[in-house]
Amino acid sequence: MSFSENLKKMREEKGLTQAELAKAVNISQPMIAQYETEIRVPSAPTALAIAKALGTTFEKIMEG
């Protein structure tokens, strides 16, 4: 799985909406949508913040 697929899967497993995750990471909901559809790739600090908000590690999200 790609980062975008893992992100979406983990977000949904946590029962979070894109808006809820975005708020937890202090970014916009459209940005989460762009990460999930591979339009954009998050910066390293943002990716780490996303992992923390999802209760996982950056490495787990990146596993392919």
C-alpha atoms as a PDB file:
ATOM      1  CA  MET A   1       0.000   0.000   0.000  1.00  0.00           C
ATOM      2  CA  SER A   2       1.096   3.546  -0.627  1.00  0.00           C
ATOM      3  CA  PHE A   3       1.235   6.373   1.892  1.00  0.00           C
ATOM      4  CA  SER A   4      -2.085   7.719   0.611  1.00  0.00           C
ATOM      5  CA  GLU A   5      -3.824   4.337   0.891  1.00  0.00           C
ATOM      6  CA  ASN A   6      -2.402   3.717   4.364  1.00  0.00           C
ATOM      7  CA  LEU A   7      -3.395   7.198   5.502  1.00  0.00           C
ATOM      8  CA  LYS A   8      -6.987   6.756   4.416  1.00  0.00           C
ATOM      9  CA  LYS A   9      -7.229   3.230   5.840  1.00  0.00           C
ATOM     10  CA  MET A  10      -5.766   4.237   9.216  1.00  0.00           C
ATOM     11  CA  ARG A  11      -7.929   7.353   9.415  1.00  0.00           C
ATOM     12  CA  GLU A  12     -11.064   5.338   8.731  1.00  0.00           C
ATOM     13  CA  GLU A  13     -10.029   2.627  11.219  1.00  0.00           C
ATOM     14  CA  LYS A  14      -9.787   5.347  13.887  1.00  0.00           C
ATOM     15  CA  GLY A  15     -13.270   6.535  12.919  1.00  0.00           C
ATOM     16  CA  LEU A  16     -12.029  10.001  11.985  1.00  0.00           C
ATOM     17  CA  THR A  17     -13.290  12.202   9.195  1.00  0.00           C
ATOM     18  CA  GLN A  18     -10.838  14.108   7.052  1.00  0.00           C
ATOM     19  CA  ALA A  19     -11.943  17.276   8.848  1.00  0.00           C
ATOM     20  CA  GLU A  20     -11.317  15.772  12.294  1.00  0.00           C
ATOM     21  CA  LEU A  21      -7.840  14.597  11.345  1.00  0.00           C
ATOM     22  CA  ALA A  22      -7.056  17.933   9.739  1.00  0.00           C
ATOM     23  CA  LYS A  23      -8.089  19.760  12.909  1.00  0.00           C
ATOM     24  CA  ALA A  24      -5.919  17.466  15.046  1.00  0.00           C
ATOM     25  CA  VAL A  25      -2.913  18.208  12.826  1.00  0.00           C
ATOM     26  CA  ASN A  26      -3.745  21.901  12.380  1.00  0.00           C
ATOM     27  CA  ILE A  27      -4.080  21.776   8.594  1.00  0.00           C
ATOM     28  CA  SER A  28      -7.054  22.076   6.252  1.00  0.00           C
ATOM     29  CA  GLN A  29      -9.439  19.258   5.335  1.00  0.00           C
ATOM     30  CA  PRO A  30      -8.716  19.729   1.601  1.00  0.00           C
ATOM     31  CA  MET A  31      -5.036  19.106   2.355  1.00  0.00           C
ATOM     32  CA  ILE A  32      -5.881  15.718   3.914  1.00  0.00           C
ATOM     33  CA  ALA A  33      -7.979  14.934   0.835  1.00  0.00           C
ATOM     34  CA  GLN A  34      -5.041  15.820  -1.409  1.00  0.00           C
ATOM     35  CA  TYR A  35      -2.736  13.524   0.592  1.00  0.00           C
ATOM     36  CA  GLU A  36      -5.248  10.679   0.326  1.00  0.00           C
ATOM     37  CA  THR A  37      -5.578  11.090  -3.451  1.00  0.00           C
ATOM     38  CA  GLU A  38      -1.836  11.500  -4.069  1.00  0.00           C
ATOM     39  CA  ILE A  39      -2.213  15.052  -5.362  1.00  0.00           C
ATOM     40  CA  ARG A  40       0.205  16.265  -2.682  1.00  0.00           C
ATOM     41  CA  VAL A  41       2.759  14.717  -0.352  1.00  0.00           C
ATOM     42  CA  PRO A  42       3.032  16.052   3.203  1.00  0.00           C
ATOM     43  CA  SER A  43       6.226  17.566   4.522  1.00  0.00           C
ATOM     44  CA  ALA A  44       8.127  15.450   7.034  1.00  0.00           C
ATOM     45  CA  PRO A  45       6.867  17.451  10.047  1.00  0.00           C
ATOM     46  CA  THR A  46       3.271  17.193   8.812  1.00  0.00           C
ATOM     47  CA  ALA A  47       3.606  13.462   8.148  1.00  0.00           C
ATOM     48  CA  LEU A  48       4.952  12.965  11.681  1.00  0.00           C
ATOM     49  CA  ALA A  49       2.049  14.994  13.101  1.00  0.00           C
ATOM     50  CA  ILE A  50      -0.436  12.898  11.123  1.00  0.00           C
ATOM     51  CA  ALA A  51       1.143   9.688  12.430  1.00  0.00           C
ATOM     52  CA  LYS A  52       0.964  10.973  16.007  1.00  0.00           C
ATOM     53  CA  ALA A  53      -2.686  11.998  15.583  1.00  0.00           C
ATOM     54  CA  LEU A  54      -3.461   8.504  14.284  1.00  0.00           C
ATOM     55  CA  GLY A  55      -1.601   6.849  17.145  1.00  0.00           C
ATOM     56  CA  THR A  56       0.957   5.218  14.880  1.00  0.00           C
ATOM     57  CA  THR A  57       4.429   5.829  13.527  1.00  0.00           C
ATOM     58  CA  PHE A  58       5.613   7.479  10.346  1.00  0.00           C
ATOM     59  CA  GLU A  59       7.175   4.146   9.339  1.00  0.00           C
ATOM     60  CA  LYS A  60       3.833   2.323   9.642  1.00  0.00           C
ATOM     61  CA  ILE A  61       2.107   4.843   7.390  1.00  0.00           C
ATOM     62  CA  MET A  62       4.913   4.578   4.833  1.00  0.00           C
ATOM     63  CA  GLU A  63       4.898   0.771   4.675  1.00  0.00           C
ATOM     64  CA  GLY A  64       4.111  -0.347   1.181  1.00  0.00           C
END
